[in-house]
């Protein structure tokens, strides 16, 4: 039981250091990170402790801990890669994206809600021609802090 507790605590320390300070362990050019190793060690220790407390044989505790710990490392590393692929400040081109005018849009002001996965909030917008609130729009130009839109006219 002591071995599982020590490995679990060491994993927790590694996990916390990796989350607060940054990756301190990086094996195989990013194949395995300190964060995922920390998760695996914590899971290894927890599974081993649970199996041991329930009176199972030590070899079962080690085998179960190793299997579930390895699975935890793989899942954690997969999630880390997916999250790092969606970093903030990634360039997203909104030209052609449709949406709805949430306010009246003029040459100097307006607001739209765009129908894009990356767009969780409304954007400041402007248009060369007046657009009434509630009208469907399409992005014609994307600037850092606003978009130029025009009325959406589906092809007949």
C-alpha atoms as a PDB file:
ATOM      1  CA  UNK A   1       0.000   0.000   0.000  1.00  0.00           C
ATOM      2  CA  UNK A   2       2.879   2.381   0.777  1.00  0.00           C
ATOM      3  CA  UNK A   3       4.297   2.007  -2.737  1.00  0.00           C
ATOM      4  CA  UNK A   4       0.977   3.043  -4.294  1.00  0.00           C
ATOM      5  CA  UNK A   5       0.652   6.025  -1.948  1.00  0.00           C
ATOM      6  CA  UNK A   6       4.193   7.229  -2.720  1.00  0.00           C
ATOM      7  CA  UNK A   7       3.734   6.872  -6.488  1.00  0.00           C
ATOM      8  CA  UNK A   8       0.362   8.640  -6.293  1.00  0.00           C
ATOM      9  CA  UNK A   9       1.805  11.534  -4.273  1.00  0.00           C
ATOM     10  CA  UNK A  10       4.800  11.832  -6.613  1.00  0.00           C
ATOM     11  CA  UNK A  11       2.383  11.917  -9.558  1.00  0.00           C
ATOM     12  CA  UNK A  12       0.304  14.613  -7.877  1.00  0.00           C
ATOM     13  CA  UNK A  13       3.415  16.730  -7.280  1.00  0.00           C
ATOM     14  CA  UNK A  14       4.524  16.278 -10.908  1.00  0.00           C
ATOM     15  CA  UNK A  15       1.029  17.140 -12.135  1.00  0.00           C
ATOM     16  CA  UNK A  16       0.816  20.298 -10.032  1.00  0.00           C
ATOM     17  CA  UNK A  17       4.327  21.441 -10.987  1.00  0.00           C
ATOM     18  CA  UNK A  18       3.568  20.843 -14.673  1.00  0.00           C
ATOM     19  CA  UNK A  19       0.321  22.797 -14.461  1.00  0.00           C
ATOM     20  CA  UNK A  20       1.720  25.720 -12.450  1.00  0.00           C
ATOM     21  CA  UNK A  21       5.312  26.065 -13.697  1.00  0.00           C
ATOM     22  CA  UNK A  22       5.010  24.466 -17.114  1.00  0.00           C
ATOM     23  CA  UNK A  23       6.118  21.188 -18.587  1.00  0.00           C
ATOM     24  CA  UNK A  24       9.166  19.980 -16.652  1.00  0.00           C
ATOM     25  CA  UNK A  25       9.189  16.560 -18.330  1.00  0.00           C
ATOM     26  CA  UNK A  26       8.886  16.134 -22.090  1.00  0.00           C
ATOM     27  CA  UNK A  27       9.701  12.710 -23.465  1.00  0.00           C
ATOM     28  CA  UNK A  28      10.064  11.882 -27.132  1.00  0.00           C
ATOM     29  CA  UNK A  29       9.651  15.426 -28.518  1.00  0.00           C
ATOM     30  CA  UNK A  30       6.239  15.886 -26.920  1.00  0.00           C
ATOM     31  CA  UNK A  31       5.058  12.296 -27.216  1.00  0.00           C
ATOM     32  CA  UNK A  32       4.545  12.171 -23.436  1.00  0.00           C
ATOM     33  CA  UNK A  33       4.296  15.242 -21.224  1.00  0.00           C
ATOM     34  CA  UNK A  34       4.827  15.741 -17.515  1.00  0.00           C
ATOM     35  CA  UNK A  35       1.142  16.473 -17.111  1.00  0.00           C
ATOM     36  CA  UNK A  36       0.089  13.148 -18.606  1.00  0.00           C
ATOM     37  CA  UNK A  37       2.760  11.273 -16.608  1.00  0.00           C
ATOM     38  CA  UNK A  38       1.477  12.953 -13.450  1.00  0.00           C
ATOM     39  CA  UNK A  39      -2.082  11.896 -14.265  1.00  0.00           C
ATOM     40  CA  UNK A  40      -0.901   8.333 -14.909  1.00  0.00           C
ATOM     41  CA  UNK A  41       1.011   8.150 -11.620  1.00  0.00           C
ATOM     42  CA  UNK A  42      -1.950   9.495  -9.637  1.00  0.00           C
ATOM     43  CA  UNK A  43      -4.256   6.940 -11.267  1.00  0.00           C
ATOM     44  CA  UNK A  44      -1.671   4.179 -10.733  1.00  0.00           C
ATOM     45  CA  UNK A  45      -1.501   4.987  -7.032  1.00  0.00           C
ATOM     46  CA  UNK A  46      -5.262   5.307  -6.620  1.00  0.00           C
ATOM     47  CA  UNK A  47      -6.077   2.047  -8.399  1.00  0.00           C
ATOM     48  CA  UNK A  48      -3.379   0.190  -6.480  1.00  0.00           C
ATOM     49  CA  UNK A  49      -4.639   1.544  -3.163  1.00  0.00           C
ATOM     50  CA  UNK A  50      -8.256   0.628  -3.940  1.00  0.00           C
ATOM     51  CA  UNK A  51      -7.357  -2.898  -5.057  1.00  0.00           C
ATOM     52  CA  UNK A  52      -5.091  -3.444  -2.025  1.00  0.00           C
ATOM     53  CA  UNK A  53      -7.682  -2.162   0.461  1.00  0.00           C
ATOM     54  CA  UNK A  54     -10.227  -4.577  -0.998  1.00  0.00           C
ATOM     55  CA  UNK A  55      -7.936  -7.495  -0.130  1.00  0.00           C
ATOM     56  CA  UNK A  56      -6.888  -8.583  -3.606  1.00  0.00           C
ATOM     57  CA  UNK A  57      -3.490 -10.135  -4.279  1.00  0.00           C
ATOM     58  CA  UNK A  58      -0.576  -7.720  -4.723  1.00  0.00           C
ATOM     59  CA  UNK A  59       0.122  -8.908  -8.278  1.00  0.00           C
ATOM     60  CA  UNK A  60      -3.454  -7.992  -9.242  1.00  0.00           C
ATOM     61  CA  UNK A  61      -2.984  -4.552  -7.688  1.00  0.00           C
ATOM     62  CA  UNK A  62       0.201  -3.948  -9.697  1.00  0.00           C
ATOM     63  CA  UNK A  63      -1.260  -5.306 -12.945  1.00  0.00           C
ATOM     64  CA  UNK A  64      -4.493  -3.306 -12.619  1.00  0.00           C
ATOM     65  CA  UNK A  65      -2.574  -0.160 -11.627  1.00  0.00           C
ATOM     66  CA  UNK A  66      -0.212  -0.473 -14.571  1.00  0.00           C
ATOM     67  CA  UNK A  67      -3.007  -1.075 -17.080  1.00  0.00           C
ATOM     68  CA  UNK A  68      -5.301   1.713 -15.879  1.00  0.00           C
ATOM     69  CA  UNK A  69      -2.358   4.094 -15.295  1.00  0.00           C
ATOM     70  CA  UNK A  70      -1.091   3.569 -18.845  1.00  0.00           C
ATOM     71  CA  UNK A  71      -4.591   4.134 -20.206  1.00  0.00           C
ATOM     72  CA  UNK A  72      -4.803   7.357 -18.168  1.00  0.00           C
ATOM     73  CA  UNK A  73      -1.479   8.575 -19.623  1.00  0.00           C
ATOM     74  CA  UNK A  74      -2.698   7.903 -23.182  1.00  0.00           C
ATOM     75  CA  UNK A  75      -6.062   9.610 -22.646  1.00  0.00           C
ATOM     76  CA  UNK A  76      -4.460  12.607 -20.901  1.00  0.00           C
ATOM     77  CA  UNK A  77      -1.891  13.012 -23.698  1.00  0.00           C
ATOM     78  CA  UNK A  78      -4.642  12.818 -26.333  1.00  0.00           C
ATOM     79  CA  UNK A  79      -6.653  15.510 -24.542  1.00  0.00           C
ATOM     80  CA  UNK A  80      -3.570  17.705 -24.136  1.00  0.00           C
ATOM     81  CA  UNK A  81      -2.848  17.492 -27.869  1.00  0.00           C
ATOM     82  CA  UNK A  82      -6.443  18.352 -28.763  1.00  0.00           C
ATOM     83  CA  UNK A  83      -6.480  21.320 -26.416  1.00  0.00           C
ATOM     84  CA  UNK A  84      -3.145  22.633 -27.652  1.00  0.00           C
ATOM     85  CA  UNK A  85      -4.404  22.415 -31.235  1.00  0.00           C
ATOM     86  CA  UNK A  86      -7.134  24.925 -30.342  1.00  0.00           C
ATOM     87  CA  UNK A  87      -4.871  27.609 -28.863  1.00  0.00           C
ATOM     88  CA  UNK A  88      -6.263  31.092 -28.476  1.00  0.00           C
ATOM     89  CA  UNK A  89      -5.144  33.697 -30.975  1.00  0.00           C
ATOM     90  CA  UNK A  90      -5.236  31.202 -33.809  1.00  0.00           C
ATOM     91  CA  UNK A  91      -6.063  32.961 -37.068  1.00  0.00           C
ATOM     92  CA  UNK A  92      -9.625  32.282 -38.162  1.00  0.00           C
ATOM     93  CA  UNK A  93     -10.847  33.650 -41.479  1.00  0.00           C
ATOM     94  CA  UNK A  94     -14.502  34.656 -41.179  1.00  0.00           C
ATOM     95  CA  UNK A  95     -15.030  35.836 -44.773  1.00  0.00           C
ATOM     96  CA  UNK A  96     -18.107  34.051 -46.113  1.00  0.00           C
ATOM     97  CA  UNK A  97     -19.499  33.132 -42.684  1.00  0.00           C
ATOM     98  CA  UNK A  98     -23.201  33.847 -42.288  1.00  0.00           C
ATOM     99  CA  UNK A  99     -24.936  35.286 -39.273  1.00  0.00           C
ATOM    100  CA  UNK A 100     -27.669  37.603 -38.049  1.00  0.00           C
ATOM    101  CA  UNK A 101     -27.628  41.324 -37.335  1.00  0.00           C
ATOM    102  CA  UNK A 102     -28.373  41.765 -33.627  1.00  0.00           C
ATOM    103  CA  UNK A 103     -28.611  45.557 -33.980  1.00  0.00           C
ATOM    104  CA  UNK A 104     -29.139  47.932 -36.869  1.00  0.00           C
ATOM    105  CA  UNK A 105     -25.872  48.067 -38.817  1.00  0.00           C
ATOM    106  CA  UNK A 106     -24.571  51.280 -40.370  1.00  0.00           C
ATOM    107  CA  UNK A 107     -21.265  52.431 -41.849  1.00  0.00           C
ATOM    108  CA  UNK A 108     -20.013  53.222 -38.364  1.00  0.00           C
ATOM    109  CA  UNK A 109     -21.680  50.796 -35.965  1.00  0.00           C
ATOM    110  CA  UNK A 110     -23.534  47.546 -35.484  1.00  0.00           C
ATOM    111  CA  UNK A 111     -23.321  44.084 -34.021  1.00  0.00           C
ATOM    112  CA  UNK A 112     -23.734  40.578 -35.427  1.00  0.00           C
ATOM    113  CA  UNK A 113     -23.971  37.012 -34.149  1.00  0.00           C
ATOM    114  CA  UNK A 114     -22.070  34.741 -36.526  1.00  0.00           C
ATOM    115  CA  UNK A 115     -22.854  31.085 -37.198  1.00  0.00           C
ATOM    116  CA  UNK A 116     -19.292  29.773 -36.810  1.00  0.00           C
ATOM    117  CA  UNK A 117     -17.973  27.267 -34.273  1.00  0.00           C
ATOM    118  CA  UNK A 118     -15.222  29.689 -33.247  1.00  0.00           C
ATOM    119  CA  UNK A 119     -17.682  32.514 -32.595  1.00  0.00           C
ATOM    120  CA  UNK A 120     -19.152  32.286 -29.107  1.00  0.00           C
ATOM    121  CA  UNK A 121     -19.893  35.975 -28.684  1.00  0.00           C
ATOM    122  CA  UNK A 122     -21.217  38.776 -30.833  1.00  0.00           C
ATOM    123  CA  UNK A 123     -18.902  40.834 -33.014  1.00  0.00           C
ATOM    124  CA  UNK A 124     -18.805  44.509 -33.828  1.00  0.00           C
ATOM    125  CA  UNK A 125     -19.818  45.028 -37.427  1.00  0.00           C
ATOM    126  CA  UNK A 126     -20.275  47.687 -40.069  1.00  0.00           C
ATOM    127  CA  UNK A 127     -21.695  47.797 -43.569  1.00  0.00           C
ATOM    128  CA  UNK A 128     -21.570  50.017 -46.628  1.00  0.00           C
ATOM    129  CA  UNK A 129     -25.385  49.898 -46.728  1.00  0.00           C
ATOM    130  CA  UNK A 130     -27.815  50.060 -43.784  1.00  0.00           C
ATOM    131  CA  UNK A 131     -28.926  46.641 -42.492  1.00  0.00           C
ATOM    132  CA  UNK A 132     -31.877  46.227 -40.133  1.00  0.00           C
ATOM    133  CA  UNK A 133     -31.671  44.205 -36.937  1.00  0.00           C
ATOM    134  CA  UNK A 134     -32.660  40.565 -37.483  1.00  0.00           C
ATOM    135  CA  UNK A 135     -31.496  40.495 -41.112  1.00  0.00           C
ATOM    136  CA  UNK A 136     -29.300  37.633 -42.293  1.00  0.00           C
ATOM    137  CA  UNK A 137     -25.756  38.785 -43.074  1.00  0.00           C
ATOM    138  CA  UNK A 138     -22.575  37.424 -44.585  1.00  0.00           C
ATOM    139  CA  UNK A 139     -19.032  38.524 -43.677  1.00  0.00           C
ATOM    140  CA  UNK A 140     -17.312  40.346 -46.539  1.00  0.00           C
ATOM    141  CA  UNK A 141     -14.164  41.469 -44.722  1.00  0.00           C
ATOM    142  CA  UNK A 142     -12.575  40.401 -41.440  1.00  0.00           C
ATOM    143  CA  UNK A 143     -10.600  42.924 -39.399  1.00  0.00           C
ATOM    144  CA  UNK A 144      -9.042  42.302 -35.974  1.00  0.00           C
ATOM    145  CA  UNK A 145     -11.849  43.908 -33.966  1.00  0.00           C
ATOM    146  CA  UNK A 146     -14.796  44.023 -36.360  1.00  0.00           C
ATOM    147  CA  UNK A 147     -16.249  42.591 -39.518  1.00  0.00           C
ATOM    148  CA  UNK A 148     -17.696  44.245 -42.593  1.00  0.00           C
ATOM    149  CA  UNK A 149     -20.930  42.534 -43.541  1.00  0.00           C
ATOM    150  CA  UNK A 150     -23.513  42.685 -46.250  1.00  0.00           C
ATOM    151  CA  UNK A 151     -27.055  41.348 -46.374  1.00  0.00           C
ATOM    152  CA  UNK A 152     -27.201  37.612 -47.043  1.00  0.00           C
ATOM    153  CA  UNK A 153     -28.986  36.885 -50.308  1.00  0.00           C
ATOM    154  CA  UNK A 154     -29.185  33.157 -51.005  1.00  0.00           C
ATOM    155  CA  UNK A 155     -28.734  32.213 -54.635  1.00  0.00           C
ATOM    156  CA  UNK A 156     -32.057  31.244 -56.214  1.00  0.00           C
END
